[in-house]
Amino acid sequence: MSMLTPRGMRGQYKITGKIYPRMTRRRRKWPVVVACLVALTVLSTGAFAVYHFTKDDSSSNAAAGCPSKSPSASGAPATPAAQPVSLANLPAPSAITVNVYNATQRPGLAKGVADELKKRGFVIGKVTNDPLKQQITGPGQLRAGVPGKGPSTVVAAHLAGTQAVEDARTDGSVDLVLGEGFQTLATPEAAAAALAPPPAPAASTPAHC
């Protein structure tokens, strides 16, 4: 077998026989590695930006008072609460019978108040001293049964500071018992203002919610 040395190899390689080794250059891998690192950096930066954008948006919505879902909004039944007397459905004074009782030592007090209430449209029943003979230090006391809850609310608007007492009567009549602290009835304007239904609050939702 002859020993052949290709030209230009300066004796670095020896070729035996008729088979020659390939003289291709060794490829460098660092450009591929750098490209992969750049791609990973871009993807991680984009994911980080998306995460913080969605997090900041949800936080700003919560701070702005965006409505959140409640159990009732998701379909769960809400627990019924005790409903107060609706001011929009109160009876008119002409549908309310008021018994005016005097629990003080001032003569003629019940008659004077009854006459004023009659001018305001109320139906006047009994006018006499307090049959229960209670000592009432405040302006007055309102006695009524369950059907008289709405009517007593109307009467209370004409005398501030009255104490509501529920009894067993089955009709809608109301007893107005005048106490030692009674001075005068509220003006018709003040009573009407106290019985006026409050305006409905306007529901507003931030536009970015």
N, C-alpha and C. Protein backbone atom coordinates (compact mmCIF):
# COMPACT_ATOMS: atom_id res chain seq x y z
N MET A 1 0.85 -1.18 0.00
CA MET A 1 0.00 0.00 0.00
C MET A 1 0.88 1.23 0.00
N SER A 2 0.55 2.18 -0.83
CA SER A 2 1.35 3.40 -0.96
C SER A 2 0.83 4.46 -0.03
N MET A 3 1.68 5.32 0.47
CA MET A 3 1.32 6.42 1.35
C MET A 3 1.24 7.67 0.52
N LEU A 4 0.04 8.31 0.53
CA LEU A 4 -0.18 9.53 -0.28
C LEU A 4 -0.56 10.65 0.66
N THR A 5 0.05 11.77 0.36
CA THR A 5 -0.27 12.96 1.15
C THR A 5 -0.83 14.01 0.23
N PRO A 6 -2.10 14.47 0.45
CA PRO A 6 -2.69 15.49 -0.43
C PRO A 6 -1.87 16.76 -0.38
N ARG A 7 -1.97 17.50 -1.46
CA ARG A 7 -1.23 18.74 -1.58
C ARG A 7 -1.81 19.77 -0.60
N GLY A 8 -0.85 20.43 0.04
CA GLY A 8 -1.26 21.50 0.97
C GLY A 8 -1.49 21.04 2.38
N MET A 9 -1.39 19.73 2.64
CA MET A 9 -1.65 19.24 3.99
C MET A 9 -0.41 19.28 4.87
N ARG A 10 0.74 19.52 4.23
CA ARG A 10 2.00 19.67 4.97
C ARG A 10 2.28 18.49 5.89
N GLY A 11 1.89 17.36 5.42
CA GLY A 11 2.21 16.16 6.18
C GLY A 11 1.39 15.94 7.41
N GLN A 12 0.28 16.73 7.56
CA GLN A 12 -0.54 16.57 8.77
C GLN A 12 -1.43 15.35 8.70
N TYR A 13 -1.83 14.97 7.53
CA TYR A 13 -2.72 13.82 7.34
C TYR A 13 -2.05 12.82 6.41
N LYS A 14 -2.19 11.59 6.68
CA LYS A 14 -1.70 10.53 5.82
C LYS A 14 -2.87 9.73 5.30
N ILE A 15 -2.84 9.44 4.07
CA ILE A 15 -3.93 8.71 3.42
C ILE A 15 -3.40 7.35 3.03
N THR A 16 -4.08 6.36 3.44
CA THR A 16 -3.69 4.99 3.13
C THR A 16 -4.66 4.40 2.15
N GLY A 17 -4.20 3.79 1.10
CA GLY A 17 -5.08 3.18 0.12
C GLY A 17 -5.73 4.20 -0.76
N LYS A 18 -6.96 3.85 -1.20
CA LYS A 18 -7.68 4.69 -2.15
C LYS A 18 -8.80 5.49 -1.49
N ILE A 19 -8.97 5.39 -0.18
CA ILE A 19 -10.06 6.10 0.50
C ILE A 19 -9.49 7.34 1.16
N TYR A 20 -10.06 8.50 0.86
CA TYR A 20 -9.59 9.77 1.39
C TYR A 20 -10.58 10.25 2.45
N PRO A 21 -10.12 10.82 3.52
CA PRO A 21 -11.06 11.41 4.52
C PRO A 21 -11.65 12.71 3.99
N ARG A 22 -12.89 13.01 4.49
CA ARG A 22 -13.54 14.26 4.08
C ARG A 22 -12.83 15.42 4.73
N MET A 23 -12.68 16.48 3.96
CA MET A 23 -11.93 17.64 4.43
C MET A 23 -12.85 18.82 4.76
N THR A 24 -14.18 18.51 5.10
CA THR A 24 -15.12 19.59 5.41
C THR A 24 -14.77 20.26 6.72
N ARG A 25 -15.12 21.57 6.83
CA ARG A 25 -14.86 22.31 8.05
C ARG A 25 -15.89 21.97 9.13
N ARG A 26 -15.45 22.02 10.32
CA ARG A 26 -16.34 21.77 11.46
C ARG A 26 -17.26 22.98 11.68
N ARG A 27 -18.59 22.71 11.70
CA ARG A 27 -19.54 23.82 11.86
C ARG A 27 -19.56 24.32 13.29
N ARG A 28 -19.66 25.65 13.40
CA ARG A 28 -19.76 26.27 14.72
C ARG A 28 -21.21 26.29 15.20
N LYS A 29 -21.48 25.89 16.45
CA LYS A 29 -22.84 25.80 16.98
C LYS A 29 -23.27 27.04 17.77
N TRP A 30 -22.37 27.98 18.03
CA TRP A 30 -22.77 29.11 18.89
C TRP A 30 -23.82 30.01 18.29
N PRO A 31 -23.93 30.23 16.94
CA PRO A 31 -25.06 31.05 16.44
C PRO A 31 -26.41 30.46 16.76
N VAL A 32 -26.54 29.12 16.71
CA VAL A 32 -27.81 28.47 17.02
C VAL A 32 -28.16 28.64 18.50
N VAL A 33 -27.15 28.50 19.34
CA VAL A 33 -27.39 28.66 20.77
C VAL A 33 -27.84 30.08 21.10
N VAL A 34 -27.17 31.06 20.50
CA VAL A 34 -27.54 32.45 20.74
C VAL A 34 -28.96 32.73 20.28
N ALA A 35 -29.34 32.19 19.11
CA ALA A 35 -30.69 32.40 18.60
C ALA A 35 -31.74 31.80 19.54
N CYS A 36 -31.46 30.62 20.09
CA CYS A 36 -32.40 30.01 21.03
C CYS A 36 -32.54 30.85 22.30
N LEU A 37 -31.41 31.38 22.80
CA LEU A 37 -31.48 32.21 24.00
C LEU A 37 -32.28 33.49 23.76
N VAL A 38 -32.11 34.09 22.59
CA VAL A 38 -32.86 35.31 22.26
C VAL A 38 -34.35 35.01 22.19
N ALA A 39 -34.71 33.87 21.57
CA ALA A 39 -36.13 33.51 21.46
C ALA A 39 -36.74 33.28 22.83
N LEU A 40 -36.02 32.59 23.72
CA LEU A 40 -36.54 32.36 25.08
C LEU A 40 -36.70 33.67 25.84
N THR A 41 -35.77 34.58 25.65
CA THR A 41 -35.87 35.88 26.33
C THR A 41 -37.09 36.66 25.88
N VAL A 42 -37.35 36.65 24.57
CA VAL A 42 -38.52 37.37 24.03
C VAL A 42 -39.81 36.77 24.55
N LEU A 43 -39.91 35.42 24.56
CA LEU A 43 -41.13 34.76 25.03
C LEU A 43 -41.37 35.03 26.51
N SER A 44 -40.31 34.95 27.33
CA SER A 44 -40.50 35.20 28.76
C SER A 44 -40.88 36.64 29.04
N THR A 45 -40.31 37.58 28.30
CA THR A 45 -40.66 38.99 28.48
C THR A 45 -42.12 39.24 28.11
N GLY A 46 -42.59 38.62 27.02
CA GLY A 46 -43.98 38.80 26.62
C GLY A 46 -44.94 38.22 27.63
N ALA A 47 -44.64 37.02 28.16
CA ALA A 47 -45.51 36.43 29.17
C ALA A 47 -45.56 37.27 30.44
N PHE A 48 -44.41 37.82 30.85
CA PHE A 48 -44.35 38.68 32.03
C PHE A 48 -45.19 39.94 31.85
N ALA A 49 -45.12 40.53 30.65
CA ALA A 49 -45.90 41.75 30.39
C ALA A 49 -47.40 41.46 30.39
N VAL A 50 -47.82 40.34 29.79
CA VAL A 50 -49.25 39.99 29.77
C VAL A 50 -49.76 39.75 31.18
N TYR A 51 -48.98 39.05 32.01
CA TYR A 51 -49.40 38.78 33.39
C TYR A 51 -49.61 40.05 34.17
N HIS A 52 -48.66 40.98 34.09
CA HIS A 52 -48.78 42.22 34.86
C HIS A 52 -49.87 43.11 34.32
N PHE A 53 -50.13 43.08 33.03
CA PHE A 53 -51.20 43.90 32.47
C PHE A 53 -52.56 43.45 32.98
N THR A 54 -52.80 42.13 32.94
CA THR A 54 -54.08 41.63 33.43
C THR A 54 -54.23 41.81 34.93
N LYS A 55 -53.11 41.68 35.69
CA LYS A 55 -53.18 41.85 37.14
C LYS A 55 -53.48 43.29 37.51
N ASP A 56 -52.81 44.24 36.83
CA ASP A 56 -53.05 45.66 37.13
C ASP A 56 -54.46 46.07 36.75
N ASP A 57 -55.00 45.50 35.66
CA ASP A 57 -56.35 45.87 35.22
C ASP A 57 -57.39 45.39 36.22
N SER A 58 -57.23 44.16 36.72
CA SER A 58 -58.18 43.66 37.71
C SER A 58 -58.09 44.43 39.01
N SER A 59 -56.86 44.83 39.40
CA SER A 59 -56.70 45.61 40.64
C SER A 59 -57.33 46.98 40.51
N SER A 60 -57.19 47.62 39.35
CA SER A 60 -57.79 48.94 39.16
C SER A 60 -59.29 48.87 39.13
N ASN A 61 -59.86 47.79 38.58
CA ASN A 61 -61.31 47.64 38.59
C ASN A 61 -61.84 47.49 40.01
N ALA A 62 -61.12 46.72 40.84
CA ALA A 62 -61.56 46.56 42.23
C ALA A 62 -61.46 47.86 42.99
N ALA A 63 -60.40 48.65 42.73
CA ALA A 63 -60.25 49.93 43.43
C ALA A 63 -61.28 50.94 42.97
N ALA A 64 -61.73 50.84 41.72
CA ALA A 64 -62.72 51.79 41.20
C ALA A 64 -64.13 51.45 41.62
N GLY A 65 -64.30 50.38 42.34
CA GLY A 65 -65.63 50.04 42.82
C GLY A 65 -66.45 49.26 41.81
N CYS A 66 -65.80 48.44 40.96
CA CYS A 66 -66.55 47.63 40.01
C CYS A 66 -67.35 46.60 40.78
N PRO A 67 -68.59 46.35 40.38
CA PRO A 67 -69.42 45.40 41.12
C PRO A 67 -68.87 44.00 41.01
N SER A 68 -68.87 43.30 42.13
CA SER A 68 -68.45 41.92 42.14
C SER A 68 -69.66 41.01 42.22
N LYS A 69 -69.49 39.78 41.80
CA LYS A 69 -70.60 38.85 41.79
C LYS A 69 -70.93 38.44 43.21
N SER A 70 -72.17 38.53 43.55
CA SER A 70 -72.63 38.10 44.86
C SER A 70 -73.34 36.77 44.72
N PRO A 71 -73.57 36.05 45.82
CA PRO A 71 -74.28 34.78 45.73
C PRO A 71 -75.65 34.92 45.08
N SER A 72 -76.37 36.03 45.33
CA SER A 72 -77.67 36.20 44.71
C SER A 72 -77.56 36.44 43.22
N ALA A 73 -76.45 37.15 42.78
CA ALA A 73 -76.27 37.40 41.36
C ALA A 73 -75.94 36.13 40.61
N SER A 74 -75.31 35.14 41.28
CA SER A 74 -74.94 33.91 40.61
C SER A 74 -76.07 32.88 40.62
N GLY A 75 -77.20 33.25 41.16
CA GLY A 75 -78.34 32.35 41.14
C GLY A 75 -78.71 31.80 42.49
N ALA A 76 -77.89 32.00 43.53
CA ALA A 76 -78.21 31.50 44.85
C ALA A 76 -79.30 32.35 45.48
N PRO A 77 -80.28 31.76 46.16
CA PRO A 77 -81.36 32.55 46.75
C PRO A 77 -80.85 33.44 47.85
N ALA A 78 -81.34 34.68 47.90
CA ALA A 78 -80.94 35.63 48.92
C ALA A 78 -81.82 35.47 50.14
N THR A 79 -81.26 35.74 51.30
CA THR A 79 -82.03 35.63 52.54
C THR A 79 -82.93 36.84 52.68
N PRO A 80 -84.23 36.64 52.80
CA PRO A 80 -85.13 37.79 52.90
C PRO A 80 -84.91 38.55 54.18
N ALA A 81 -84.89 39.88 54.10
CA ALA A 81 -84.70 40.73 55.26
C ALA A 81 -86.03 41.37 55.64
N ALA A 82 -86.10 41.82 56.86
CA ALA A 82 -87.32 42.48 57.32
C ALA A 82 -87.52 43.78 56.55
N GLN A 83 -88.68 43.93 55.96
CA GLN A 83 -88.97 45.10 55.15
C GLN A 83 -89.60 46.20 55.99
N PRO A 84 -89.07 47.43 55.94
CA PRO A 84 -89.70 48.54 56.66
C PRO A 84 -90.98 48.98 55.95
N VAL A 85 -91.71 49.85 56.63
CA VAL A 85 -92.93 50.36 56.03
C VAL A 85 -92.59 51.21 54.82
N SER A 86 -93.21 50.91 53.69
CA SER A 86 -92.94 51.66 52.47
C SER A 86 -93.67 53.00 52.53
N LEU A 87 -92.90 54.08 52.39
CA LEU A 87 -93.53 55.41 52.43
C LEU A 87 -94.41 55.67 51.23
N ALA A 88 -94.18 54.92 50.14
CA ALA A 88 -94.98 55.15 48.94
C ALA A 88 -96.37 54.54 49.05
N ASN A 89 -96.58 53.61 50.00
CA ASN A 89 -97.87 52.92 50.12
C ASN A 89 -98.60 53.26 51.42
N LEU A 90 -98.28 54.37 52.04
CA LEU A 90 -98.95 54.74 53.28
C LEU A 90 -100.36 55.27 52.99
N PRO A 91 -101.27 55.04 53.92
CA PRO A 91 -102.64 55.53 53.71
C PRO A 91 -102.73 57.05 53.88
N ALA A 92 -103.74 57.61 53.31
CA ALA A 92 -103.99 59.05 53.46
C ALA A 92 -104.59 59.32 54.84
N PRO A 93 -104.43 60.53 55.37
CA PRO A 93 -105.02 60.84 56.69
C PRO A 93 -106.53 60.58 56.74
N SER A 94 -107.22 60.76 55.63
CA SER A 94 -108.67 60.55 55.63
C SER A 94 -109.04 59.08 55.85
N ALA A 95 -108.08 58.17 55.73
CA ALA A 95 -108.34 56.74 55.94
C ALA A 95 -107.85 56.27 57.31
N ILE A 96 -107.44 57.21 58.17
CA ILE A 96 -106.86 56.85 59.47
C ILE A 96 -107.73 57.41 60.59
N THR A 97 -108.15 56.54 61.51
CA THR A 97 -108.90 56.96 62.69
C THR A 97 -107.93 57.10 63.86
N VAL A 98 -107.92 58.29 64.48
CA VAL A 98 -106.99 58.57 65.57
C VAL A 98 -107.79 58.86 66.84
N ASN A 99 -107.48 58.11 67.90
CA ASN A 99 -108.01 58.41 69.23
C ASN A 99 -106.96 59.25 69.97
N VAL A 100 -107.35 60.40 70.47
CA VAL A 100 -106.40 61.30 71.11
C VAL A 100 -106.64 61.26 72.62
N TYR A 101 -105.59 60.84 73.35
CA TYR A 101 -105.70 60.70 74.80
C TYR A 101 -104.71 61.66 75.47
N ASN A 102 -105.14 62.16 76.65
CA ASN A 102 -104.33 63.08 77.43
C ASN A 102 -103.76 62.34 78.63
N ALA A 103 -102.41 62.22 78.69
CA ALA A 103 -101.77 61.57 79.83
C ALA A 103 -101.09 62.60 80.73
N THR A 104 -101.49 63.88 80.61
CA THR A 104 -100.90 64.95 81.41
C THR A 104 -101.97 65.54 82.33
N GLN A 105 -101.55 66.55 83.10
CA GLN A 105 -102.47 67.27 83.98
C GLN A 105 -102.97 68.55 83.32
N ARG A 106 -102.66 68.74 82.06
CA ARG A 106 -103.10 69.96 81.37
C ARG A 106 -104.49 69.75 80.78
N PRO A 107 -105.47 70.47 81.28
CA PRO A 107 -106.83 70.27 80.78
C PRO A 107 -106.99 70.80 79.35
N GLY A 108 -107.80 70.08 78.56
CA GLY A 108 -108.10 70.52 77.20
C GLY A 108 -107.01 70.21 76.19
N LEU A 109 -105.94 69.53 76.61
CA LEU A 109 -104.84 69.27 75.68
C LEU A 109 -105.27 68.31 74.57
N ALA A 110 -105.97 67.24 74.92
CA ALA A 110 -106.38 66.26 73.92
C ALA A 110 -107.34 66.88 72.91
N LYS A 111 -108.25 67.73 73.34
CA LYS A 111 -109.23 68.33 72.42
C LYS A 111 -108.54 69.27 71.44
N GLY A 112 -107.55 70.05 71.94
CA GLY A 112 -106.88 70.98 71.04
C GLY A 112 -106.09 70.24 69.97
N VAL A 113 -105.41 69.16 70.33
CA VAL A 113 -104.65 68.38 69.35
C VAL A 113 -105.59 67.67 68.38
N ALA A 114 -106.69 67.15 68.90
CA ALA A 114 -107.66 66.47 68.03
C ALA A 114 -108.24 67.43 67.00
N ASP A 115 -108.52 68.65 67.39
CA ASP A 115 -109.06 69.63 66.44
C ASP A 115 -108.04 69.93 65.34
N GLU A 116 -106.78 70.03 65.70
CA GLU A 116 -105.76 70.30 64.69
C GLU A 116 -105.59 69.12 63.73
N LEU A 117 -105.61 67.92 64.27
CA LEU A 117 -105.49 66.74 63.41
C LEU A 117 -106.69 66.60 62.48
N LYS A 118 -107.85 67.00 62.96
CA LYS A 118 -109.04 66.96 62.12
C LYS A 118 -108.90 67.92 60.94
N LYS A 119 -108.30 69.10 61.18
CA LYS A 119 -108.07 70.05 60.09
C LYS A 119 -107.12 69.47 59.04
N ARG A 120 -106.24 68.58 59.48
CA ARG A 120 -105.26 67.99 58.56
C ARG A 120 -105.79 66.76 57.84
N GLY A 121 -107.07 66.44 58.08
CA GLY A 121 -107.70 65.37 57.31
C GLY A 121 -107.89 64.07 58.04
N PHE A 122 -107.42 63.95 59.28
CA PHE A 122 -107.57 62.69 60.01
C PHE A 122 -109.01 62.53 60.51
N VAL A 123 -109.42 61.27 60.67
CA VAL A 123 -110.72 60.96 61.28
C VAL A 123 -110.50 60.82 62.78
N ILE A 124 -111.21 61.61 63.56
CA ILE A 124 -111.00 61.63 65.00
C ILE A 124 -112.01 60.69 65.67
N GLY A 125 -111.47 59.82 66.55
CA GLY A 125 -112.32 58.90 67.30
C GLY A 125 -112.56 59.43 68.70
N LYS A 126 -112.04 58.75 69.68
CA LYS A 126 -112.24 59.15 71.07
C LYS A 126 -111.27 60.27 71.46
N VAL A 127 -111.78 61.21 72.28
CA VAL A 127 -110.95 62.29 72.80
C VAL A 127 -111.20 62.36 74.31
N THR A 128 -110.23 61.88 75.09
CA THR A 128 -110.40 61.81 76.53
C THR A 128 -109.05 61.61 77.21
N ASN A 129 -109.09 61.42 78.53
CA ASN A 129 -107.86 61.12 79.25
C ASN A 129 -107.39 59.70 78.94
N ASP A 130 -106.12 59.44 79.20
CA ASP A 130 -105.55 58.14 78.87
C ASP A 130 -106.24 57.04 79.67
N PRO A 131 -106.89 56.09 79.00
CA PRO A 131 -107.58 55.02 79.74
C PRO A 131 -106.61 54.10 80.49
N LEU A 132 -105.36 54.02 80.04
CA LEU A 132 -104.39 53.17 80.73
C LEU A 132 -103.71 53.91 81.88
N LYS A 133 -103.89 55.22 81.96
CA LYS A 133 -103.36 56.06 83.04
C LYS A 133 -101.85 55.85 83.22
N GLN A 134 -101.14 55.84 82.10
CA GLN A 134 -99.68 55.68 82.15
C GLN A 134 -99.01 57.04 82.31
N GLN A 135 -97.84 57.02 82.90
CA GLN A 135 -97.04 58.24 83.01
C GLN A 135 -96.07 58.27 81.84
N ILE A 136 -96.24 59.25 80.95
CA ILE A 136 -95.42 59.37 79.74
C ILE A 136 -94.65 60.68 79.84
N THR A 137 -93.36 60.56 79.94
CA THR A 137 -92.52 61.75 80.10
C THR A 137 -92.15 62.38 78.75
N GLY A 138 -92.21 61.60 77.67
CA GLY A 138 -91.85 62.13 76.36
C GLY A 138 -93.00 62.89 75.72
N PRO A 139 -92.85 63.25 74.43
CA PRO A 139 -93.91 63.99 73.75
C PRO A 139 -95.21 63.20 73.62
N GLY A 140 -95.09 61.91 73.44
CA GLY A 140 -96.32 61.14 73.27
C GLY A 140 -96.03 59.69 72.99
N GLN A 141 -97.09 58.92 72.88
CA GLN A 141 -97.01 57.49 72.63
C GLN A 141 -98.05 57.12 71.58
N LEU A 142 -97.67 56.23 70.66
CA LEU A 142 -98.58 55.76 69.62
C LEU A 142 -98.86 54.29 69.85
N ARG A 143 -100.11 53.96 70.05
CA ARG A 143 -100.52 52.57 70.27
C ARG A 143 -101.34 52.10 69.07
N ALA A 144 -100.94 50.96 68.53
CA ALA A 144 -101.63 50.42 67.36
C ALA A 144 -101.33 48.94 67.26
N GLY A 145 -102.18 48.22 66.55
CA GLY A 145 -101.95 46.81 66.26
C GLY A 145 -101.15 46.64 64.98
N VAL A 146 -101.05 45.39 64.55
CA VAL A 146 -100.30 45.12 63.32
C VAL A 146 -100.94 45.82 62.12
N PRO A 147 -102.28 45.82 61.96
CA PRO A 147 -102.86 46.54 60.82
C PRO A 147 -102.65 48.05 60.88
N GLY A 148 -102.34 48.58 62.07
CA GLY A 148 -102.16 50.03 62.21
C GLY A 148 -100.71 50.47 62.10
N LYS A 149 -99.83 49.59 61.61
CA LYS A 149 -98.42 49.97 61.50
C LYS A 149 -98.22 51.11 60.52
N GLY A 150 -98.85 51.01 59.36
CA GLY A 150 -98.75 52.09 58.38
C GLY A 150 -99.42 53.37 58.86
N PRO A 151 -100.68 53.30 59.36
CA PRO A 151 -101.32 54.51 59.88
C PRO A 151 -100.54 55.19 61.01
N SER A 152 -99.94 54.41 61.92
CA SER A 152 -99.19 55.03 63.01
C SER A 152 -97.94 55.73 62.48
N THR A 153 -97.39 55.24 61.37
CA THR A 153 -96.24 55.93 60.76
C THR A 153 -96.65 57.31 60.26
N VAL A 154 -97.85 57.41 59.71
CA VAL A 154 -98.35 58.71 59.23
C VAL A 154 -98.57 59.65 60.41
N VAL A 155 -99.18 59.15 61.48
CA VAL A 155 -99.44 60.01 62.64
C VAL A 155 -98.13 60.45 63.28
N ALA A 156 -97.14 59.57 63.32
CA ALA A 156 -95.85 59.90 63.94
C ALA A 156 -95.15 61.04 63.22
N ALA A 157 -95.41 61.20 61.92
CA ALA A 157 -94.79 62.30 61.19
C ALA A 157 -95.29 63.66 61.66
N HIS A 158 -96.46 63.70 62.31
CA HIS A 158 -97.02 64.96 62.79
C HIS A 158 -96.61 65.27 64.23
N LEU A 159 -95.94 64.32 64.90
CA LEU A 159 -95.47 64.55 66.26
C LEU A 159 -94.15 63.80 66.44
N ALA A 160 -93.04 64.52 66.35
CA ALA A 160 -91.74 63.89 66.46
C ALA A 160 -91.47 63.44 67.89
N GLY A 161 -90.74 62.33 68.03
CA GLY A 161 -90.36 61.84 69.34
C GLY A 161 -91.36 60.94 70.00
N THR A 162 -92.39 60.51 69.29
CA THR A 162 -93.37 59.61 69.89
C THR A 162 -92.80 58.20 70.00
N GLN A 163 -93.30 57.44 70.95
CA GLN A 163 -92.89 56.06 71.18
C GLN A 163 -93.96 55.14 70.63
N ALA A 164 -93.56 54.19 69.78
CA ALA A 164 -94.51 53.25 69.17
C ALA A 164 -94.69 52.04 70.07
N VAL A 165 -95.93 51.69 70.35
CA VAL A 165 -96.26 50.53 71.18
C VAL A 165 -97.28 49.69 70.41
N GLU A 166 -96.95 48.42 70.23
CA GLU A 166 -97.85 47.50 69.50
C GLU A 166 -98.75 46.78 70.49
N ASP A 167 -100.06 46.78 70.20
CA ASP A 167 -101.00 46.06 71.05
C ASP A 167 -101.73 45.00 70.22
N ALA A 168 -102.78 44.44 70.78
CA ALA A 168 -103.43 43.29 70.17
C ALA A 168 -104.64 43.66 69.32
N ARG A 169 -104.89 44.92 69.08
CA ARG A 169 -106.08 45.28 68.30
C ARG A 169 -105.95 44.79 66.86
N THR A 170 -107.08 44.54 66.23
CA THR A 170 -107.10 43.97 64.88
C THR A 170 -107.51 44.97 63.81
N ASP A 171 -107.82 46.20 64.19
CA ASP A 171 -108.16 47.20 63.18
C ASP A 171 -106.98 48.15 62.99
N GLY A 172 -107.15 49.11 62.11
CA GLY A 172 -106.08 50.04 61.78
C GLY A 172 -106.11 51.35 62.53
N SER A 173 -106.88 51.42 63.62
CA SER A 173 -106.95 52.66 64.39
C SER A 173 -105.66 52.89 65.16
N VAL A 174 -105.44 54.15 65.54
CA VAL A 174 -104.22 54.54 66.24
C VAL A 174 -104.59 55.39 67.45
N ASP A 175 -103.97 55.10 68.60
CA ASP A 175 -104.14 55.92 69.78
C ASP A 175 -102.95 56.85 69.90
N LEU A 176 -103.21 58.16 69.91
CA LEU A 176 -102.16 59.14 70.15
C LEU A 176 -102.30 59.62 71.58
N VAL A 177 -101.35 59.21 72.42
CA VAL A 177 -101.39 59.55 73.84
C VAL A 177 -100.37 60.65 74.07
N LEU A 178 -100.83 61.81 74.51
CA LEU A 178 -99.96 62.98 74.70
C LEU A 178 -99.29 62.91 76.06
N GLY A 179 -97.95 63.09 76.06
CA GLY A 179 -97.19 63.00 77.30
C GLY A 179 -96.75 64.36 77.81
N GLU A 180 -96.00 64.32 78.92
CA GLU A 180 -95.58 65.55 79.57
C GLU A 180 -94.63 66.36 78.69
N GLY A 181 -93.92 65.72 77.81
CA GLY A 181 -92.98 66.44 76.95
C GLY A 181 -93.60 67.03 75.69
N PHE A 182 -94.91 66.95 75.56
CA PHE A 182 -95.55 67.49 74.36
C PHE A 182 -95.51 69.02 74.36
N GLN A 183 -95.10 69.57 73.21
CA GLN A 183 -95.10 71.00 73.02
C GLN A 183 -96.09 71.41 71.94
N THR A 184 -95.89 70.93 70.75
CA THR A 184 -96.77 71.26 69.63
C THR A 184 -96.60 70.23 68.54
N LEU A 185 -97.56 70.16 67.65
CA LEU A 185 -97.47 69.27 66.50
C LEU A 185 -96.48 69.84 65.47
N ALA A 186 -95.91 68.96 64.66
CA ALA A 186 -95.07 69.42 63.55
C ALA A 186 -95.94 70.14 62.53
N THR A 187 -95.35 71.04 61.78
CA THR A 187 -96.10 71.74 60.74
C THR A 187 -96.51 70.75 59.65
N PRO A 188 -97.58 71.04 58.93
CA PRO A 188 -97.98 70.13 57.84
C PRO A 188 -96.88 69.95 56.80
N GLU A 189 -96.10 71.02 56.57
CA GLU A 189 -95.00 70.91 55.60
C GLU A 189 -93.92 69.95 56.09
N ALA A 190 -93.60 70.04 57.39
CA ALA A 190 -92.58 69.14 57.94
C ALA A 190 -93.07 67.69 57.94
N ALA A 191 -94.35 67.50 58.23
CA ALA A 191 -94.90 66.14 58.22
C ALA A 191 -94.89 65.56 56.81
N ALA A 192 -95.25 66.40 55.82
CA ALA A 192 -95.24 65.92 54.43
C ALA A 192 -93.82 65.57 53.99
N ALA A 193 -92.84 66.38 54.41
CA ALA A 193 -91.45 66.10 54.05
C ALA A 193 -90.97 64.80 54.69
N ALA A 194 -91.40 64.53 55.92
CA ALA A 194 -91.00 63.30 56.59
C ALA A 194 -91.60 62.06 55.94
N LEU A 195 -92.75 62.23 55.30
CA LEU A 195 -93.42 61.09 54.67
C LEU A 195 -93.08 60.96 53.19
N ALA A 196 -92.30 61.88 52.64
CA ALA A 196 -91.95 61.81 51.22
C ALA A 196 -90.98 60.66 50.98
N PRO A 197 -91.24 59.79 49.98
CA PRO A 197 -90.30 58.70 49.69
C PRO A 197 -88.96 59.25 49.23
N PRO A 198 -87.86 58.68 49.68
CA PRO A 198 -86.54 59.15 49.24
C PRO A 198 -86.33 58.84 47.77
N PRO A 199 -85.56 59.67 47.05
CA PRO A 199 -85.31 59.40 45.63
C PRO A 199 -84.50 58.12 45.46
N ALA A 200 -84.82 57.39 44.39
CA ALA A 200 -84.11 56.14 44.12
C ALA A 200 -82.67 56.45 43.71
N PRO A 201 -81.69 55.75 44.31
CA PRO A 201 -80.29 56.00 43.93
C PRO A 201 -80.02 55.54 42.51
N ALA A 202 -79.25 56.35 41.77
CA ALA A 202 -78.91 56.02 40.39
C ALA A 202 -77.76 55.03 40.38
N ALA A 203 -78.00 53.88 39.76
CA ALA A 203 -76.97 52.84 39.67
C ALA A 203 -76.00 53.20 38.57
N SER A 204 -74.72 53.29 38.89
CA SER A 204 -73.71 53.61 37.90
C SER A 204 -72.57 52.61 38.01
N THR A 205 -72.08 52.18 36.85
CA THR A 205 -70.98 51.23 36.78
C THR A 205 -69.85 51.86 35.99
N PRO A 206 -68.62 51.84 36.51
CA PRO A 206 -67.50 52.42 35.75
C PRO A 206 -67.40 51.80 34.37
N ALA A 207 -67.09 52.65 33.38
CA ALA A 207 -67.09 52.22 32.00
C ALA A 207 -66.04 51.17 31.72
N HIS A 208 -64.93 51.14 32.49
CA HIS A 208 -63.85 50.22 32.20
C HIS A 208 -64.01 48.88 32.90
N CYS A 209 -65.14 48.67 33.61
CA CYS A 209 -65.33 47.41 34.30
C CYS A 209 -65.64 46.30 33.30
